[in-house]
Amino acid sequence: MDNIGVQSGKPTFIEEISQCQDKTTLFGHSVNVVGRLTVHDVGTCLAKLSDSQSKSEICIDTSLIEPFEARFGSLFNMIGELEVGNQNDIVLKARVVRCVDGLDLSLYRKAIESQRKYLELRNAV
């Protein structure tokens, strides 16, 4: 029997989503992103997370997580699925949100990159 259920969200950097050449390949993927909250509109259930290192940002559909304590400039970890937005752009429909202020972003990036290398080596055997 197939294990069908909610995906855990693959750790993904915002720039990997925003700089993807063929964004249609990303639709439906479950991802886990971390970024600074720069925009939040409760009325439209839209927000934006940005990555200061790569200067990239991603639009977030917050309809499933409202209300949440949105503090502009705070770091947030969001898990959800990538969908097509109104302007044919890519939007993360968040289903999990948590504030991760205090997270060392450079260490987080190194940890994710190390995990990817390990998984790549393990799966190559």
Protein backbone atom coordinates (compact mmCIF):
# COMPACT_ATOMS: atom_id res chain seq x y z
CA MET A 1 0.00 0.00 0.00
CA ASP A 2 1.28 3.47 -0.87
CA ASN A 3 2.12 5.80 1.97
CA ILE A 4 -0.17 8.69 1.08
CA GLY A 5 -0.38 11.64 3.42
CA VAL A 6 0.94 15.04 4.22
CA GLN A 7 4.52 15.60 3.10
CA SER A 8 7.06 16.92 5.59
CA GLY A 9 8.41 19.65 3.31
CA LYS A 10 11.86 19.44 1.73
CA PRO A 11 14.25 22.07 3.12
CA THR A 12 14.53 24.56 0.26
CA PHE A 13 16.20 27.94 -0.02
CA ILE A 14 14.04 30.81 -1.27
CA GLU A 15 16.45 31.53 -4.14
CA GLU A 16 16.12 27.94 -5.38
CA ILE A 17 12.42 28.62 -5.92
CA SER A 18 12.65 32.18 -7.24
CA GLN A 19 15.57 31.49 -9.57
CA CYS A 20 14.20 28.24 -11.03
CA GLN A 21 14.02 28.55 -14.83
CA ASP A 22 10.98 26.27 -15.27
CA LYS A 23 8.76 27.06 -12.30
CA THR A 24 6.07 24.63 -13.51
CA THR A 25 8.33 21.78 -12.35
CA LEU A 26 7.95 23.06 -8.77
CA PHE A 27 4.14 23.13 -8.58
CA GLY A 28 2.79 20.69 -6.01
CA HIS A 29 6.12 20.22 -4.25
CA SER A 30 6.07 20.32 -0.47
CA VAL A 31 8.80 22.65 0.79
CA ASN A 32 10.19 24.03 4.04
CA VAL A 33 11.55 27.60 3.74
CA VAL A 34 13.03 30.14 6.14
CA GLY A 35 13.01 33.88 5.53
CA ARG A 36 12.30 37.32 6.95
CA LEU A 37 8.74 38.56 6.90
CA THR A 38 8.61 41.71 4.76
CA VAL A 39 4.91 41.89 3.83
CA HIS A 40 1.74 40.61 5.51
CA ASP A 41 -1.81 41.48 4.50
CA VAL A 42 -4.42 39.71 6.63
CA GLY A 43 -7.25 40.84 4.31
CA THR A 44 -5.84 39.11 1.24
CA CYS A 45 -4.01 36.37 3.21
CA LEU A 46 -0.76 37.17 1.44
CA ALA A 47 2.72 37.62 2.83
CA LYS A 48 6.28 37.69 1.55
CA LEU A 49 9.41 36.12 2.95
CA SER A 50 12.80 37.34 1.83
CA ASP A 51 16.33 35.99 1.98
CA SER A 52 18.76 38.86 2.57
CA GLN A 53 21.77 36.85 1.40
CA SER A 54 20.42 36.10 -2.08
CA LYS A 55 18.04 39.09 -2.28
CA SER A 56 15.26 36.67 -3.24
CA GLU A 57 11.70 36.57 -2.01
CA ILE A 58 8.69 34.31 -2.16
CA CYS A 59 4.99 35.06 -1.97
CA ILE A 60 3.09 33.16 0.73
CA ASP A 61 -0.63 32.30 0.81
CA THR A 62 -1.42 32.48 4.54
CA SER A 63 -5.10 31.45 4.34
CA LEU A 64 -4.47 28.18 6.22
CA ILE A 65 -2.37 29.71 9.01
CA GLU A 66 -4.24 32.93 9.84
CA PRO A 67 -4.17 34.47 12.29
CA PHE A 68 -0.49 34.24 13.14
CA GLU A 69 1.69 36.67 15.04
CA ALA A 70 3.29 38.41 12.10
CA ARG A 71 6.20 40.55 13.24
CA PHE A 72 7.84 42.34 10.35
CA GLY A 73 11.55 41.62 10.15
CA SER A 74 11.24 38.40 12.14
CA LEU A 75 12.49 35.09 10.78
CA PHE A 76 9.78 32.59 9.95
CA ASN A 77 9.90 28.93 8.99
CA MET A 78 6.98 27.94 6.75
CA ILE A 79 6.03 24.55 5.38
CA GLY A 80 3.55 24.08 2.58
CA GLU A 81 2.96 23.34 -1.08
CA LEU A 82 3.99 25.39 -4.11
CA GLU A 83 1.09 26.57 -6.29
CA VAL A 84 0.39 28.89 -9.22
CA GLY A 85 -0.46 32.42 -8.09
CA ASN A 86 -2.80 35.01 -9.63
CA GLN A 87 -0.07 36.49 -11.85
CA ASN A 88 1.10 33.03 -12.96
CA ASP A 89 3.91 33.25 -10.40
CA ILE A 90 4.79 30.68 -7.77
CA VAL A 91 3.19 30.92 -4.33
CA LEU A 92 3.79 28.86 -1.20
CA LYS A 93 0.47 27.82 0.37
CA ALA A 94 1.69 27.62 3.96
CA ARG A 95 0.14 25.09 6.35
CA VAL A 96 2.73 25.35 9.13
CA VAL A 97 4.32 28.52 10.47
CA ARG A 98 6.72 29.19 13.32
CA CYS A 99 8.82 32.12 14.33
CA VAL A 100 12.52 31.20 14.39
CA ASP A 101 14.06 34.48 15.55
CA GLY A 102 17.57 33.79 16.78
CA LEU A 103 18.27 31.13 14.13
CA ASP A 104 21.78 31.54 12.74
CA LEU A 105 21.03 31.61 9.01
CA SER A 106 24.59 30.89 7.88
CA LEU A 107 24.78 27.83 10.15
CA TYR A 108 21.30 26.74 9.00
CA ARG A 109 22.44 26.99 5.36
CA LYS A 110 25.59 24.97 6.10
CA ALA A 111 23.55 22.30 7.91
CA ILE A 112 21.12 21.93 4.98
CA GLU A 113 23.99 21.75 2.48
CA SER A 114 25.76 19.11 4.61
CA GLN A 115 22.55 17.10 4.89
CA ARG A 116 22.09 17.21 1.12
CA LYS A 117 25.66 16.01 0.52
CA TYR A 118 25.20 13.16 2.99
CA LEU A 119 21.87 12.08 1.45
CA GLU A 120 23.37 12.26 -2.04
CA LEU A 121 26.26 9.99 -1.01
CA ARG A 122 23.97 7.61 0.85
CA ASN A 123 21.58 7.31 -2.08
CA ALA A 124 24.45 6.77 -4.55
CA VAL A 125 25.41 3.49 -2.88
